[in-house]
């Protein structure tokens, strides 16, 4: 008897075809393999099953009622949660234009009808291995993001800090008209910018009184430590400059490198400004949260002293003022 836990551990394959006999043929071909097979008769039904089961691979017919395979693939690949699920389109269409249409929709591979049994098995096996590697990377990323949340949870005064930075930084990116890839850096950088603090002793990190000079030097190592933690994952490589340089200042007085002006990447300059604003407007052990107006005055004063990018500061203030009107 197969238990539910054993069933859930099997690679999950969703077969989508409006002809039941075609699904039965594929089930027979894969009967000897250790797969959990799910079935859908059209694209709309497939999307519902995907939402509930999150399959590891999708075998998708091209021509179907309700939603065609092309339309279904496009929806799947547009969703951040499902876009990495590999799709094999099984089709009788041989035209070059149809294949190009499938590729544009995000299809990963094609099998022509009538298909070769051994070829189908081999392609399924190869794409499932690729999916397994992707899952391992996603799991490794999740561990790192969990570490970042653990750092934040240590101090009751920083609760929600990373989430707010992620939101504000991405919102700032929208104001600047940055590309989606830049918005992703800002969104994820907001969560991970302080992850290096996990390497710092709680006696320093949670100290109620002022830090000694030696203690502050230790605190200043957290951007470098954060970069070291995230560097092994290639998927996090675009975030490394944001993590490393979010404490640089426009006049070169920041750390760890003392970068001046536009030497600091724009993502890190944005992160520094929103980090400062959030620190000012949230309660700390040594003071109450400051008002928006007071925080803006302090940031403008610091900008006049050379700490922040003047152009970005004005854009940020205009953005925030909209939320206080």
C-alpha atoms as a PDB file:
ATOM      1  CA  UNK A   1       0.000   0.000   0.000  1.00  0.00           C
ATOM      2  CA  UNK A   2       1.320   3.467  -0.955  1.00  0.00           C
ATOM      3  CA  UNK A   3       0.965   6.037   1.831  1.00  0.00           C
ATOM      4  CA  UNK A   4       0.156   9.705   1.230  1.00  0.00           C
ATOM      5  CA  UNK A   5       3.632  10.723   2.418  1.00  0.00           C
ATOM      6  CA  UNK A   6       5.244   8.368  -0.119  1.00  0.00           C
ATOM      7  CA  UNK A   7       2.926   9.734  -2.822  1.00  0.00           C
ATOM      8  CA  UNK A   8       3.867  13.315  -1.986  1.00  0.00           C
ATOM      9  CA  UNK A   9       7.582  12.497  -2.198  1.00  0.00           C
ATOM     10  CA  UNK A  10       7.285  11.250  -5.771  1.00  0.00           C
ATOM     11  CA  UNK A  11       8.002  13.708  -8.615  1.00  0.00           C
ATOM     12  CA  UNK A  12       4.648  15.236  -9.556  1.00  0.00           C
ATOM     13  CA  UNK A  13       3.731  15.334 -13.240  1.00  0.00           C
ATOM     14  CA  UNK A  14       0.669  17.149 -14.536  1.00  0.00           C
ATOM     15  CA  UNK A  15      -0.652  15.877 -17.888  1.00  0.00           C
ATOM     16  CA  UNK A  16      -2.968  18.326 -19.673  1.00  0.00           C
ATOM     17  CA  UNK A  17      -4.929  17.136 -22.714  1.00  0.00           C
ATOM     18  CA  UNK A  18      -8.566  17.454 -23.779  1.00  0.00           C
ATOM     19  CA  UNK A  19      -8.513  13.898 -25.180  1.00  0.00           C
ATOM     20  CA  UNK A  20      -8.734  11.355 -22.290  1.00  0.00           C
ATOM     21  CA  UNK A  21      -7.194   8.597 -24.435  1.00  0.00           C
ATOM     22  CA  UNK A  22      -4.011  10.639 -24.861  1.00  0.00           C
ATOM     23  CA  UNK A  23      -3.665  11.002 -21.087  1.00  0.00           C
ATOM     24  CA  UNK A  24      -4.221   7.255 -20.661  1.00  0.00           C
ATOM     25  CA  UNK A  25      -1.429   6.508 -23.162  1.00  0.00           C
ATOM     26  CA  UNK A  26       1.014   8.713 -21.239  1.00  0.00           C
ATOM     27  CA  UNK A  27      -0.046   7.113 -17.948  1.00  0.00           C
ATOM     28  CA  UNK A  28       0.652   3.666 -19.447  1.00  0.00           C
ATOM     29  CA  UNK A  29       4.069   4.769 -20.726  1.00  0.00           C
ATOM     30  CA  UNK A  30       5.029   6.145 -17.309  1.00  0.00           C
ATOM     31  CA  UNK A  31       3.402   3.344 -15.275  1.00  0.00           C
ATOM     32  CA  UNK A  32       6.740   1.723 -14.434  1.00  0.00           C
ATOM     33  CA  UNK A  33       8.232   5.035 -13.247  1.00  0.00           C
ATOM     34  CA  UNK A  34       7.844   6.356  -9.715  1.00  0.00           C
ATOM     35  CA  UNK A  35       5.781   9.423 -10.597  1.00  0.00           C
ATOM     36  CA  UNK A  36       2.635  10.953  -9.113  1.00  0.00           C
ATOM     37  CA  UNK A  37       0.418  11.709 -12.104  1.00  0.00           C
ATOM     38  CA  UNK A  38      -2.182  14.502 -12.078  1.00  0.00           C
ATOM     39  CA  UNK A  39      -4.621  15.067 -14.957  1.00  0.00           C
ATOM     40  CA  UNK A  40      -6.430  18.048 -16.466  1.00  0.00           C
ATOM     41  CA  UNK A  41      -8.633  18.273 -19.556  1.00  0.00           C
ATOM     42  CA  UNK A  42      -8.018  21.959 -20.326  1.00  0.00           C
ATOM     43  CA  UNK A  43      -5.794  24.886 -19.420  1.00  0.00           C
ATOM     44  CA  UNK A  44      -8.180  26.411 -16.885  1.00  0.00           C
ATOM     45  CA  UNK A  45      -8.444  23.139 -14.983  1.00  0.00           C
ATOM     46  CA  UNK A  46      -4.659  22.784 -15.175  1.00  0.00           C
ATOM     47  CA  UNK A  47      -4.085  26.173 -13.561  1.00  0.00           C
ATOM     48  CA  UNK A  48      -6.302  25.175 -10.631  1.00  0.00           C
ATOM     49  CA  UNK A  49      -4.398  21.911 -10.132  1.00  0.00           C
ATOM     50  CA  UNK A  50      -1.063  23.755 -10.379  1.00  0.00           C
ATOM     51  CA  UNK A  51      -2.168  26.168  -7.651  1.00  0.00           C
ATOM     52  CA  UNK A  52      -3.084  23.266  -5.349  1.00  0.00           C
ATOM     53  CA  UNK A  53      -0.243  20.815  -6.061  1.00  0.00           C
ATOM     54  CA  UNK A  54       2.680  22.779  -7.582  1.00  0.00           C
ATOM     55  CA  UNK A  55       3.862  19.982  -9.915  1.00  0.00           C
ATOM     56  CA  UNK A  56       7.500  19.320 -10.813  1.00  0.00           C
ATOM     57  CA  UNK A  57       6.795  18.966 -14.540  1.00  0.00           C
ATOM     58  CA  UNK A  58       3.914  19.707 -16.921  1.00  0.00           C
ATOM     59  CA  UNK A  59       3.090  17.801 -20.107  1.00  0.00           C
ATOM     60  CA  UNK A  60       0.903  20.210 -22.043  1.00  0.00           C
ATOM     61  CA  UNK A  61      -1.148  19.706 -25.194  1.00  0.00           C
ATOM     62  CA  UNK A  62      -0.979  22.630 -27.611  1.00  0.00           C
ATOM     63  CA  UNK A  63      -4.546  22.702 -28.973  1.00  0.00           C
ATOM     64  CA  UNK A  64      -7.285  22.645 -26.312  1.00  0.00           C
ATOM     65  CA  UNK A  65     -10.621  24.337 -25.580  1.00  0.00           C
ATOM     66  CA  UNK A  66     -11.085  27.021 -22.879  1.00  0.00           C
ATOM     67  CA  UNK A  67      -7.348  27.861 -22.773  1.00  0.00           C
ATOM     68  CA  UNK A  68      -4.880  26.659 -25.389  1.00  0.00           C
ATOM     69  CA  UNK A  69      -1.547  25.183 -24.373  1.00  0.00           C
ATOM     70  CA  UNK A  70       0.191  28.366 -25.519  1.00  0.00           C
ATOM     71  CA  UNK A  71      -2.055  30.570 -23.356  1.00  0.00           C
ATOM     72  CA  UNK A  72      -1.689  28.222 -20.383  1.00  0.00           C
ATOM     73  CA  UNK A  73       2.113  28.143 -20.659  1.00  0.00           C
ATOM     74  CA  UNK A  74       2.242  31.928 -20.817  1.00  0.00           C
ATOM     75  CA  UNK A  75       0.225  32.238 -17.582  1.00  0.00           C
ATOM     76  CA  UNK A  76       2.368  29.647 -15.797  1.00  0.00           C
ATOM     77  CA  UNK A  77       5.637  31.319 -16.798  1.00  0.00           C
ATOM     78  CA  UNK A  78       4.368  34.791 -15.849  1.00  0.00           C
ATOM     79  CA  UNK A  79       3.775  33.721 -12.245  1.00  0.00           C
ATOM     80  CA  UNK A  80       6.771  34.123  -9.907  1.00  0.00           C
ATOM     81  CA  UNK A  81       5.841  30.937  -8.028  1.00  0.00           C
ATOM     82  CA  UNK A  82       5.351  28.660 -11.047  1.00  0.00           C
ATOM     83  CA  UNK A  83       7.643  30.121 -13.719  1.00  0.00           C
ATOM     84  CA  UNK A  84      10.466  27.631 -13.058  1.00  0.00           C
ATOM     85  CA  UNK A  85       8.267  24.558 -13.522  1.00  0.00           C
ATOM     86  CA  UNK A  86       9.458  22.891 -16.760  1.00  0.00           C
ATOM     87  CA  UNK A  87       6.871  22.471 -19.509  1.00  0.00           C
ATOM     88  CA  UNK A  88       6.976  19.911 -22.316  1.00  0.00           C
ATOM     89  CA  UNK A  89       4.499  20.736 -25.050  1.00  0.00           C
ATOM     90  CA  UNK A  90       3.110  17.624 -26.757  1.00  0.00           C
ATOM     91  CA  UNK A  91       1.812  18.631 -30.144  1.00  0.00           C
ATOM     92  CA  UNK A  92       0.914  17.433 -33.626  1.00  0.00           C
ATOM     93  CA  UNK A  93       1.822  20.909 -34.899  1.00  0.00           C
ATOM     94  CA  UNK A  94       5.000  20.772 -36.942  1.00  0.00           C
ATOM     95  CA  UNK A  95       5.193  24.347 -38.195  1.00  0.00           C
ATOM     96  CA  UNK A  96       8.169  26.483 -37.260  1.00  0.00           C
ATOM     97  CA  UNK A  97       5.868  29.366 -36.311  1.00  0.00           C
ATOM     98  CA  UNK A  98       3.974  27.180 -33.835  1.00  0.00           C
ATOM     99  CA  UNK A  99       7.200  26.090 -32.145  1.00  0.00           C
ATOM    100  CA  UNK A 100       8.382  29.689 -32.001  1.00  0.00           C
ATOM    101  CA  UNK A 101       5.019  30.639 -30.460  1.00  0.00           C
ATOM    102  CA  UNK A 102       5.548  27.925 -27.831  1.00  0.00           C
ATOM    103  CA  UNK A 103       9.061  29.139 -27.031  1.00  0.00           C
ATOM    104  CA  UNK A 104       7.797  32.699 -26.629  1.00  0.00           C
ATOM    105  CA  UNK A 105       5.152  31.392 -24.215  1.00  0.00           C
ATOM    106  CA  UNK A 106       7.934  29.823 -22.132  1.00  0.00           C
ATOM    107  CA  UNK A 107       7.740  26.163 -23.192  1.00  0.00           C
ATOM    108  CA  UNK A 108      10.966  24.333 -22.287  1.00  0.00           C
ATOM    109  CA  UNK A 109      10.766  21.375 -24.680  1.00  0.00           C
ATOM    110  CA  UNK A 110       8.606  19.811 -27.396  1.00  0.00           C
ATOM    111  CA  UNK A 111       7.523  16.267 -28.219  1.00  0.00           C
ATOM    112  CA  UNK A 112       5.721  15.643 -31.519  1.00  0.00           C
ATOM    113  CA  UNK A 113       2.744  13.335 -31.874  1.00  0.00           C
ATOM    114  CA  UNK A 114       2.925  10.432 -32.395  1.00  0.00           C
ATOM    115  CA  UNK A 115       5.841  10.438 -29.951  1.00  0.00           C
ATOM    116  CA  UNK A 116       8.675   8.041 -29.335  1.00  0.00           C
ATOM    117  CA  UNK A 117       8.157   6.319 -25.976  1.00  0.00           C
ATOM    118  CA  UNK A 118      11.849   6.219 -25.071  1.00  0.00           C
ATOM    119  CA  UNK A 119      12.371   9.845 -26.093  1.00  0.00           C
ATOM    120  CA  UNK A 120       9.430  10.952 -23.940  1.00  0.00           C
ATOM    121  CA  UNK A 121      10.755   9.076 -20.900  1.00  0.00           C
ATOM    122  CA  UNK A 122      14.272  10.470 -21.396  1.00  0.00           C
ATOM    123  CA  UNK A 123      13.126  14.074 -21.751  1.00  0.00           C
ATOM    124  CA  UNK A 124      10.892  13.806 -18.697  1.00  0.00           C
ATOM    125  CA  UNK A 125      13.768  12.336 -16.682  1.00  0.00           C
ATOM    126  CA  UNK A 126      16.192  15.078 -17.768  1.00  0.00           C
ATOM    127  CA  UNK A 127      13.802  17.933 -16.978  1.00  0.00           C
ATOM    128  CA  UNK A 128      12.914  16.430 -13.598  1.00  0.00           C
ATOM    129  CA  UNK A 129      16.630  16.342 -12.719  1.00  0.00           C
ATOM    130  CA  UNK A 130      16.868  20.013 -13.695  1.00  0.00           C
ATOM    131  CA  UNK A 131      13.824  20.773 -11.536  1.00  0.00           C
ATOM    132  CA  UNK A 132      15.478  18.984  -8.607  1.00  0.00           C
ATOM    133  CA  UNK A 133      18.565  21.186  -8.948  1.00  0.00           C
ATOM    134  CA  UNK A 134      16.377  24.301  -9.041  1.00  0.00           C
ATOM    135  CA  UNK A 135      14.546  23.141  -5.901  1.00  0.00           C
ATOM    136  CA  UNK A 136      17.889  22.691  -4.121  1.00  0.00           C
ATOM    137  CA  UNK A 137      18.859  26.258  -5.017  1.00  0.00           C
ATOM    138  CA  UNK A 138      15.479  27.575  -3.852  1.00  0.00           C
ATOM    139  CA  UNK A 139      15.861  25.683  -0.561  1.00  0.00           C
ATOM    140  CA  UNK A 140      19.344  27.114  -0.053  1.00  0.00           C
ATOM    141  CA  UNK A 141      18.016  30.614  -0.722  1.00  0.00           C
ATOM    142  CA  UNK A 142      15.187  30.084   1.752  1.00  0.00           C
ATOM    143  CA  UNK A 143      17.704  29.110   4.437  1.00  0.00           C
ATOM    144  CA  UNK A 144      19.535  32.400   3.905  1.00  0.00           C
ATOM    145  CA  UNK A 145      16.312  34.430   3.979  1.00  0.00           C
ATOM    146  CA  UNK A 146      15.331  32.596   7.173  1.00  0.00           C
ATOM    147  CA  UNK A 147      18.678  33.578   8.699  1.00  0.00           C
ATOM    148  CA  UNK A 148      17.948  37.211   7.833  1.00  0.00           C
ATOM    149  CA  UNK A 149      14.570  37.004   9.576  1.00  0.00           C
ATOM    150  CA  UNK A 150      16.237  35.362  12.576  1.00  0.00           C
ATOM    151  CA  UNK A 151      18.610  38.332  12.909  1.00  0.00           C
ATOM    152  CA  UNK A 152      15.676  40.746  12.809  1.00  0.00           C
ATOM    153  CA  UNK A 153      13.733  38.719  15.385  1.00  0.00           C
ATOM    154  CA  UNK A 154      16.503  39.073  17.972  1.00  0.00           C
ATOM    155  CA  UNK A 155      15.618  42.692  18.634  1.00  0.00           C
ATOM    156  CA  UNK A 156      11.984  43.661  19.293  1.00  0.00           C
ATOM    157  CA  UNK A 157      12.768  47.187  18.103  1.00  0.00           C
ATOM    158  CA  UNK A 158      13.694  46.013  14.605  1.00  0.00           C
ATOM    159  CA  UNK A 159      10.626  43.823  14.074  1.00  0.00           C
ATOM    160  CA  UNK A 160       9.362  44.301  10.519  1.00  0.00           C
ATOM    161  CA  UNK A 161      12.394  46.427   9.572  1.00  0.00           C
ATOM    162  CA  UNK A 162      13.515  44.216   6.672  1.00  0.00           C
ATOM    163  CA  UNK A 163      10.019  43.939   5.241  1.00  0.00           C
ATOM    164  CA  UNK A 164       9.549  47.708   5.363  1.00  0.00           C
ATOM    165  CA  UNK A 165      12.909  48.301   3.675  1.00  0.00           C
ATOM    166  CA  UNK A 166      12.078  45.776   0.994  1.00  0.00           C
ATOM    167  CA  UNK A 167       8.753  47.530   0.336  1.00  0.00           C
ATOM    168  CA  UNK A 168      10.100  51.097   0.401  1.00  0.00           C
ATOM    169  CA  UNK A 169      13.184  50.301  -1.687  1.00  0.00           C
ATOM    170  CA  UNK A 170      11.113  48.601  -4.377  1.00  0.00           C
ATOM    171  CA  UNK A 171       8.616  51.469  -4.322  1.00  0.00           C
ATOM    172  CA  UNK A 172      11.524  53.882  -4.787  1.00  0.00           C
ATOM    173  CA  UNK A 173      12.698  51.784  -7.740  1.00  0.00           C
ATOM    174  CA  UNK A 174       9.253  52.168  -9.319  1.00  0.00           C
ATOM    175  CA  UNK A 175       9.474  55.945  -8.832  1.00  0.00           C
ATOM    176  CA  UNK A 176      12.790  55.924 -10.704  1.00  0.00           C
ATOM    177  CA  UNK A 177      11.413  53.736 -13.493  1.00  0.00           C
ATOM    178  CA  UNK A 178      13.979  51.005 -12.876  1.00  0.00           C
ATOM    179  CA  UNK A 179      13.822  47.660 -14.682  1.00  0.00           C
ATOM    180  CA  UNK A 180      12.222  44.570 -13.134  1.00  0.00           C
ATOM    181  CA  UNK A 181      15.677  43.084 -12.487  1.00  0.00           C
ATOM    182  CA  UNK A 182      16.570  46.184 -10.441  1.00  0.00           C
ATOM    183  CA  UNK A 183      13.300  45.998  -8.521  1.00  0.00           C
ATOM    184  CA  UNK A 184      14.102  42.392  -7.620  1.00  0.00           C
ATOM    185  CA  UNK A 185      17.506  43.461  -6.263  1.00  0.00           C
ATOM    186  CA  UNK A 186      15.833  46.150  -4.135  1.00  0.00           C
ATOM    187  CA  UNK A 187      13.075  43.838  -2.925  1.00  0.00           C
ATOM    188  CA  UNK A 188      15.439  41.035  -1.927  1.00  0.00           C
ATOM    189  CA  UNK A 189      18.203  43.382  -0.815  1.00  0.00           C
ATOM    190  CA  UNK A 190      15.830  44.921   1.710  1.00  0.00           C
ATOM    191  CA  UNK A 191      15.402  41.519   3.339  1.00  0.00           C
ATOM    192  CA  UNK A 192      19.078  40.521   3.247  1.00  0.00           C
ATOM    193  CA  UNK A 193      20.942  43.819   3.791  1.00  0.00           C
ATOM    194  CA  UNK A 194      21.656  43.142   7.490  1.00  0.00           C
ATOM    195  CA  UNK A 195      22.122  39.361   7.370  1.00  0.00           C
ATOM    196  CA  UNK A 196      25.803  39.806   8.297  1.00  0.00           C
ATOM    197  CA  UNK A 197      24.713  40.793  11.802  1.00  0.00           C
ATOM    198  CA  UNK A 198      24.233  37.101  12.503  1.00  0.00           C
ATOM    199  CA  UNK A 199      28.026  36.963  12.926  1.00  0.00           C
ATOM    200  CA  UNK A 200      27.970  39.665  15.622  1.00  0.00           C
ATOM    201  CA  UNK A 201      27.625  38.887  19.320  1.00  0.00           C
ATOM    202  CA  UNK A 202      24.226  39.593  20.880  1.00  0.00           C
ATOM    203  CA  UNK A 203      25.981  41.468  23.685  1.00  0.00           C
ATOM    204  CA  UNK A 204      26.974  44.075  21.102  1.00  0.00           C
ATOM    205  CA  UNK A 205      23.994  43.820  18.769  1.00  0.00           C
ATOM    206  CA  UNK A 206      21.408  44.193  21.545  1.00  0.00           C
ATOM    207  CA  UNK A 207      23.332  46.554  23.803  1.00  0.00           C
ATOM    208  CA  UNK A 208      20.975  49.146  25.298  1.00  0.00           C
ATOM    209  CA  UNK A 209      23.559  51.862  25.889  1.00  0.00           C
ATOM    210  CA  UNK A 210      25.984  53.551  23.504  1.00  0.00           C
ATOM    211  CA  UNK A 211      28.578  51.377  21.769  1.00  0.00           C
ATOM    212  CA  UNK A 212      32.269  51.726  22.512  1.00  0.00           C
ATOM    213  CA  UNK A 213      34.607  52.540  19.648  1.00  0.00           C
ATOM    214  CA  UNK A 214      35.747  48.918  19.544  1.00  0.00           C
ATOM    215  CA  UNK A 215      32.169  47.638  19.523  1.00  0.00           C
ATOM    216  CA  UNK A 216      31.225  49.962  16.670  1.00  0.00           C
ATOM    217  CA  UNK A 217      34.171  48.666  14.636  1.00  0.00           C
ATOM    218  CA  UNK A 218      32.747  45.162  15.089  1.00  0.00           C
ATOM    219  CA  UNK A 219      29.275  46.339  14.004  1.00  0.00           C
ATOM    220  CA  UNK A 220      30.874  47.803  10.873  1.00  0.00           C
ATOM    221  CA  UNK A 221      31.900  44.317   9.761  1.00  0.00           C
ATOM    222  CA  UNK A 222      28.313  43.207   9.109  1.00  0.00           C
ATOM    223  CA  UNK A 223      28.155  44.283   5.423  1.00  0.00           C
ATOM    224  CA  UNK A 224      31.300  42.268   4.645  1.00  0.00           C
ATOM    225  CA  UNK A 225      30.030  39.290   6.641  1.00  0.00           C
ATOM    226  CA  UNK A 226      26.685  39.503   4.842  1.00  0.00           C
ATOM    227  CA  UNK A 227      28.379  39.415   1.467  1.00  0.00           C
ATOM    228  CA  UNK A 228      30.350  36.318   2.510  1.00  0.00           C
ATOM    229  CA  UNK A 229      27.172  34.524   3.586  1.00  0.00           C
ATOM    230  CA  UNK A 230      25.344  35.221   0.311  1.00  0.00           C
ATOM    231  CA  UNK A 231      28.282  34.941  -2.128  1.00  0.00           C
ATOM    232  CA  UNK A 232      28.194  31.124  -2.577  1.00  0.00           C
ATOM    233  CA  UNK A 233      24.740  31.301  -4.194  1.00  0.00           C
ATOM    234  CA  UNK A 234      24.949  32.501  -7.800  1.00  0.00           C
ATOM    235  CA  UNK A 235      21.295  33.531  -7.700  1.00  0.00           C
ATOM    236  CA  UNK A 236      22.129  36.095  -5.006  1.00  0.00           C
ATOM    237  CA  UNK A 237      25.157  37.519  -6.829  1.00  0.00           C
ATOM    238  CA  UNK A 238      23.258  40.613  -8.123  1.00  0.00           C
ATOM    239  CA  UNK A 239      22.436  41.512  -4.478  1.00  0.00           C
ATOM    240  CA  UNK A 240      26.011  41.458  -3.175  1.00  0.00           C
ATOM    241  CA  UNK A 241      26.859  45.152  -3.883  1.00  0.00           C
ATOM    242  CA  UNK A 242      23.658  46.249  -2.102  1.00  0.00           C
ATOM    243  CA  UNK A 243      24.498  44.129   0.946  1.00  0.00           C
ATOM    244  CA  UNK A 244      28.134  45.260   0.971  1.00  0.00           C
ATOM    245  CA  UNK A 245      27.660  48.979   0.302  1.00  0.00           C
ATOM    246  CA  UNK A 246      24.381  49.997   1.979  1.00  0.00           C
ATOM    247  CA  UNK A 247      26.354  51.869   4.683  1.00  0.00           C
ATOM    248  CA  UNK A 248      28.453  53.892   2.236  1.00  0.00           C
ATOM    249  CA  UNK A 249      27.818  57.636   2.247  1.00  0.00           C
ATOM    250  CA  UNK A 250      27.777  60.105  -0.639  1.00  0.00           C
ATOM    251  CA  UNK A 251      30.744  62.089   0.772  1.00  0.00           C
ATOM    252  CA  UNK A 252      32.894  58.995   1.335  1.00  0.00           C
ATOM    253  CA  UNK A 253      32.426  58.869   5.114  1.00  0.00           C
ATOM    254  CA  UNK A 254      30.695  55.483   5.089  1.00  0.00           C
ATOM    255  CA  UNK A 255      31.962  51.915   5.317  1.00  0.00           C
ATOM    256  CA  UNK A 256      33.369  49.392   4.460  1.00  0.00           C
ATOM    257  CA  UNK A 257      35.124  50.945   1.433  1.00  0.00           C
ATOM    258  CA  UNK A 258      34.601  54.699   1.850  1.00  0.00           C
ATOM    259  CA  UNK A 259      33.084  54.997  -1.634  1.00  0.00           C
ATOM    260  CA  UNK A 260      32.321  58.505  -2.891  1.00  0.00           C
ATOM    261  CA  UNK A 261      29.250  59.680  -4.819  1.00  0.00           C
ATOM    262  CA  UNK A 262      28.189  57.477  -7.699  1.00  0.00           C
ATOM    263  CA  UNK A 263      30.874  54.900  -6.913  1.00  0.00           C
ATOM    264  CA  UNK A 264      28.190  53.397  -4.698  1.00  0.00           C
ATOM    265  CA  UNK A 265      25.662  51.473  -6.846  1.00  0.00           C
ATOM    266  CA  UNK A 266      22.205  53.034  -7.057  1.00  0.00           C
ATOM    267  CA  UNK A 267      20.565  50.084  -5.267  1.00  0.00           C
ATOM    268  CA  UNK A 268      22.832  50.587  -2.247  1.00  0.00           C
ATOM    269  CA  UNK A 269      22.273  54.375  -2.279  1.00  0.00           C
ATOM    270  CA  UNK A 270      18.514  53.787  -2.235  1.00  0.00           C
ATOM    271  CA  UNK A 271      18.846  51.195   0.546  1.00  0.00           C
ATOM    272  CA  UNK A 272      20.873  53.593   2.687  1.00  0.00           C
ATOM    273  CA  UNK A 273      18.212  56.311   2.459  1.00  0.00           C
ATOM    274  CA  UNK A 274      15.239  54.053   3.226  1.00  0.00           C
ATOM    275  CA  UNK A 275      17.242  52.377   6.021  1.00  0.00           C
ATOM    276  CA  UNK A 276      17.875  55.775   7.617  1.00  0.00           C
ATOM    277  CA  UNK A 277      14.215  56.813   7.300  1.00  0.00           C
ATOM    278  CA  UNK A 278      12.948  53.572   8.843  1.00  0.00           C
ATOM    279  CA  UNK A 279      15.424  53.821  11.722  1.00  0.00           C
ATOM    280  CA  UNK A 280      14.231  57.363  12.471  1.00  0.00           C
ATOM    281  CA  UNK A 281      10.509  56.606  12.293  1.00  0.00           C
ATOM    282  CA  UNK A 282      10.484  53.459  14.450  1.00  0.00           C
ATOM    283  CA  UNK A 283      10.812  53.179  18.224  1.00  0.00           C
ATOM    284  CA  UNK A 284      14.219  52.394  19.707  1.00  0.00           C
ATOM    285  CA  UNK A 285      15.295  51.492  23.236  1.00  0.00           C
ATOM    286  CA  UNK A 286      16.733  54.993  23.666  1.00  0.00           C
ATOM    287  CA  UNK A 287      13.919  57.074  22.050  1.00  0.00           C
ATOM    288  CA  UNK A 288      10.399  57.038  20.662  1.00  0.00           C
ATOM    289  CA  UNK A 289       9.667  56.942  16.941  1.00  0.00           C
ATOM    290  CA  UNK A 290      10.092  60.307  15.230  1.00  0.00           C
ATOM    291  CA  UNK A 291       7.385  61.843  13.063  1.00  0.00           C
ATOM    292  CA  UNK A 292       7.595  61.831   9.271  1.00  0.00           C
ATOM    293  CA  UNK A 293       8.238  65.577   9.274  1.00  0.00           C
ATOM    294  CA  UNK A 294      11.066  65.308  11.796  1.00  0.00           C
ATOM    295  CA  UNK A 295      12.648  62.402   9.926  1.00  0.00           C
ATOM    296  CA  UNK A 296      12.530  64.342   6.650  1.00  0.00           C
ATOM    297  CA  UNK A 297      14.199  67.360   8.293  1.00  0.00           C
ATOM    298  CA  UNK A 298      17.006  65.175   9.680  1.00  0.00           C
ATOM    299  CA  UNK A 299      17.559  63.449   6.321  1.00  0.00           C
ATOM    300  CA  UNK A 300      17.678  66.812   4.529  1.00  0.00           C
ATOM    301  CA  UNK A 301      20.170  68.146   7.100  1.00  0.00           C
ATOM    302  CA  UNK A 302      22.324  65.056   6.628  1.00  0.00           C
ATOM    303  CA  UNK A 303      22.094  65.442   2.853  1.00  0.00           C
ATOM    304  CA  UNK A 304      23.396  69.016   3.170  1.00  0.00           C
ATOM    305  CA  UNK A 305      26.328  67.568   5.125  1.00  0.00           C
ATOM    306  CA  UNK A 306      27.031  65.199   2.227  1.00  0.00           C
ATOM    307  CA  UNK A 307      25.736  61.888   3.569  1.00  0.00           C
ATOM    308  CA  UNK A 308      23.049  61.126   0.972  1.00  0.00           C
ATOM    309  CA  UNK A 309      22.546  61.422  -2.787  1.00  0.00           C
ATOM    310  CA  UNK A 310      20.601  64.738  -3.040  1.00  0.00           C
ATOM    311  CA  UNK A 311      18.622  63.747  -6.130  1.00  0.00           C
ATOM    312  CA  UNK A 312      17.517  60.414  -4.660  1.00  0.00           C
ATOM    313  CA  UNK A 313      16.609  62.051  -1.350  1.00  0.00           C
ATOM    314  CA  UNK A 314      14.237  64.525  -3.007  1.00  0.00           C
ATOM    315  CA  UNK A 315      12.594  61.744  -5.030  1.00  0.00           C
ATOM    316  CA  UNK A 316      12.238  59.662  -1.864  1.00  0.00           C
ATOM    317  CA  UNK A 317      10.710  62.552   0.117  1.00  0.00           C
ATOM    318  CA  UNK A 318       8.214  63.328  -2.668  1.00  0.00           C
ATOM    319  CA  UNK A 319       7.287  59.652  -2.744  1.00  0.00           C
ATOM    320  CA  UNK A 320       6.792  59.506   1.019  1.00  0.00           C
ATOM    321  CA  UNK A 321       4.899  62.809   1.147  1.00  0.00           C
ATOM    322  CA  UNK A 322       2.281  61.276  -1.155  1.00  0.00           C
ATOM    323  CA  UNK A 323       1.575  58.733   1.562  1.00  0.00           C
ATOM    324  CA  UNK A 324       1.087  61.441   4.193  1.00  0.00           C
ATOM    325  CA  UNK A 325      -1.224  63.750   2.253  1.00  0.00           C
END
